[in-house]
């Protein structure tokens, strides 16, 4: 609403499945962090429906890793 572009989405908390289309259409972020292939598919489908290709960042986790 302030006219500022959103740079990043999903880095602290994943976007709910049923909000992915609206998030893509409304925010069109530069990057969207996904935690798994299901979330990547949701982000991609939302972006495709909004008419663009979304750049993704994947959170890679190994056993023993601790996240905020």
C-alpha atoms as a PDB file:
ATOM      1  CA  UNK A   1       0.000   0.000   0.000  1.00  0.00           C
ATOM      2  CA  UNK A   2       2.944   2.324   0.575  1.00  0.00           C
ATOM      3  CA  UNK A   3       4.228   1.694  -2.933  1.00  0.00           C
ATOM      4  CA  UNK A   4       7.273  -0.239  -1.775  1.00  0.00           C
ATOM      5  CA  UNK A   5       8.368  -3.466  -3.456  1.00  0.00           C
ATOM      6  CA  UNK A   6       8.535  -6.572  -1.280  1.00  0.00           C
ATOM      7  CA  UNK A   7      11.925  -8.230  -1.536  1.00  0.00           C
ATOM      8  CA  UNK A   8      11.459 -11.488   0.350  1.00  0.00           C
ATOM      9  CA  UNK A   9       8.615 -13.738   1.441  1.00  0.00           C
ATOM     10  CA  UNK A  10       8.535 -16.941   3.468  1.00  0.00           C
ATOM     11  CA  UNK A  11      11.888 -16.698   5.220  1.00  0.00           C
ATOM     12  CA  UNK A  12      10.578 -16.778   8.799  1.00  0.00           C
ATOM     13  CA  UNK A  13       7.297 -18.614   8.292  1.00  0.00           C
ATOM     14  CA  UNK A  14       5.987 -20.460   5.271  1.00  0.00           C
ATOM     15  CA  UNK A  15       2.981 -19.090   3.410  1.00  0.00           C
ATOM     16  CA  UNK A  16      -0.165 -21.158   3.976  1.00  0.00           C
ATOM     17  CA  UNK A  17      -1.204 -23.317   1.019  1.00  0.00           C
ATOM     18  CA  UNK A  18      -4.480 -21.482   0.513  1.00  0.00           C
ATOM     19  CA  UNK A  19      -2.785 -18.055   0.674  1.00  0.00           C
ATOM     20  CA  UNK A  20      -0.029 -18.711  -1.885  1.00  0.00           C
ATOM     21  CA  UNK A  21      -2.031 -17.462  -4.888  1.00  0.00           C
ATOM     22  CA  UNK A  22      -3.048 -14.245  -3.118  1.00  0.00           C
ATOM     23  CA  UNK A  23       0.486 -13.685  -1.786  1.00  0.00           C
ATOM     24  CA  UNK A  24       1.990 -14.073  -5.254  1.00  0.00           C
ATOM     25  CA  UNK A  25      -0.621 -11.840  -6.884  1.00  0.00           C
ATOM     26  CA  UNK A  26      -0.494  -9.146  -4.191  1.00  0.00           C
ATOM     27  CA  UNK A  27       3.189  -8.973  -3.262  1.00  0.00           C
ATOM     28  CA  UNK A  28       5.181 -10.324  -6.251  1.00  0.00           C
ATOM     29  CA  UNK A  29       8.311 -10.686  -4.081  1.00  0.00           C
ATOM     30  CA  UNK A  30      11.806 -10.731  -5.557  1.00  0.00           C
ATOM     31  CA  UNK A  31      12.480 -13.986  -3.665  1.00  0.00           C
ATOM     32  CA  UNK A  32      10.330 -16.584  -1.926  1.00  0.00           C
ATOM     33  CA  UNK A  33      11.953 -18.951   0.564  1.00  0.00           C
ATOM     34  CA  UNK A  34      10.615 -22.505   0.569  1.00  0.00           C
ATOM     35  CA  UNK A  35      11.322 -25.272   3.063  1.00  0.00           C
ATOM     36  CA  UNK A  36      10.367 -28.215   0.822  1.00  0.00           C
ATOM     37  CA  UNK A  37       9.244 -29.220  -2.661  1.00  0.00           C
ATOM     38  CA  UNK A  38       5.553 -28.875  -1.770  1.00  0.00           C
ATOM     39  CA  UNK A  39       6.015 -25.220  -0.815  1.00  0.00           C
ATOM     40  CA  UNK A  40       8.078 -24.649  -3.973  1.00  0.00           C
ATOM     41  CA  UNK A  41       5.211 -25.998  -6.067  1.00  0.00           C
ATOM     42  CA  UNK A  42       2.684 -23.784  -4.259  1.00  0.00           C
ATOM     43  CA  UNK A  43       4.824 -20.672  -4.785  1.00  0.00           C
ATOM     44  CA  UNK A  44       5.393 -21.540  -8.431  1.00  0.00           C
ATOM     45  CA  UNK A  45       1.711 -22.129  -9.119  1.00  0.00           C
ATOM     46  CA  UNK A  46       0.778 -18.869  -7.414  1.00  0.00           C
ATOM     47  CA  UNK A  47       3.312 -16.924  -9.454  1.00  0.00           C
ATOM     48  CA  UNK A  48       2.238 -18.607 -12.693  1.00  0.00           C
ATOM     49  CA  UNK A  49      -1.389 -17.687 -11.993  1.00  0.00           C
ATOM     50  CA  UNK A  50      -0.225 -14.091 -11.399  1.00  0.00           C
ATOM     51  CA  UNK A  51       1.656 -14.094 -14.717  1.00  0.00           C
ATOM     52  CA  UNK A  52       5.302 -14.263 -13.700  1.00  0.00           C
ATOM     53  CA  UNK A  53       8.110 -16.696 -12.823  1.00  0.00           C
ATOM     54  CA  UNK A  54       9.082 -16.660  -9.141  1.00  0.00           C
ATOM     55  CA  UNK A  55      12.714 -16.849  -7.995  1.00  0.00           C
ATOM     56  CA  UNK A  56      12.981 -19.251  -5.051  1.00  0.00           C
ATOM     57  CA  UNK A  57      15.438 -19.678  -2.194  1.00  0.00           C
ATOM     58  CA  UNK A  58      15.592 -23.158  -0.650  1.00  0.00           C
ATOM     59  CA  UNK A  59      16.230 -23.625   3.045  1.00  0.00           C
ATOM     60  CA  UNK A  60      18.586 -26.586   3.246  1.00  0.00           C
ATOM     61  CA  UNK A  61      18.586 -28.486   6.530  1.00  0.00           C
ATOM     62  CA  UNK A  62      20.762 -31.295   7.799  1.00  0.00           C
ATOM     63  CA  UNK A  63      20.252 -33.452  10.848  1.00  0.00           C
ATOM     64  CA  UNK A  64      21.239 -31.485  13.937  1.00  0.00           C
ATOM     65  CA  UNK A  65      20.699 -28.049  12.359  1.00  0.00           C
ATOM     66  CA  UNK A  66      18.884 -25.542  14.548  1.00  0.00           C
ATOM     67  CA  UNK A  67      16.721 -22.762  13.106  1.00  0.00           C
ATOM     68  CA  UNK A  68      15.133 -19.693  14.643  1.00  0.00           C
END
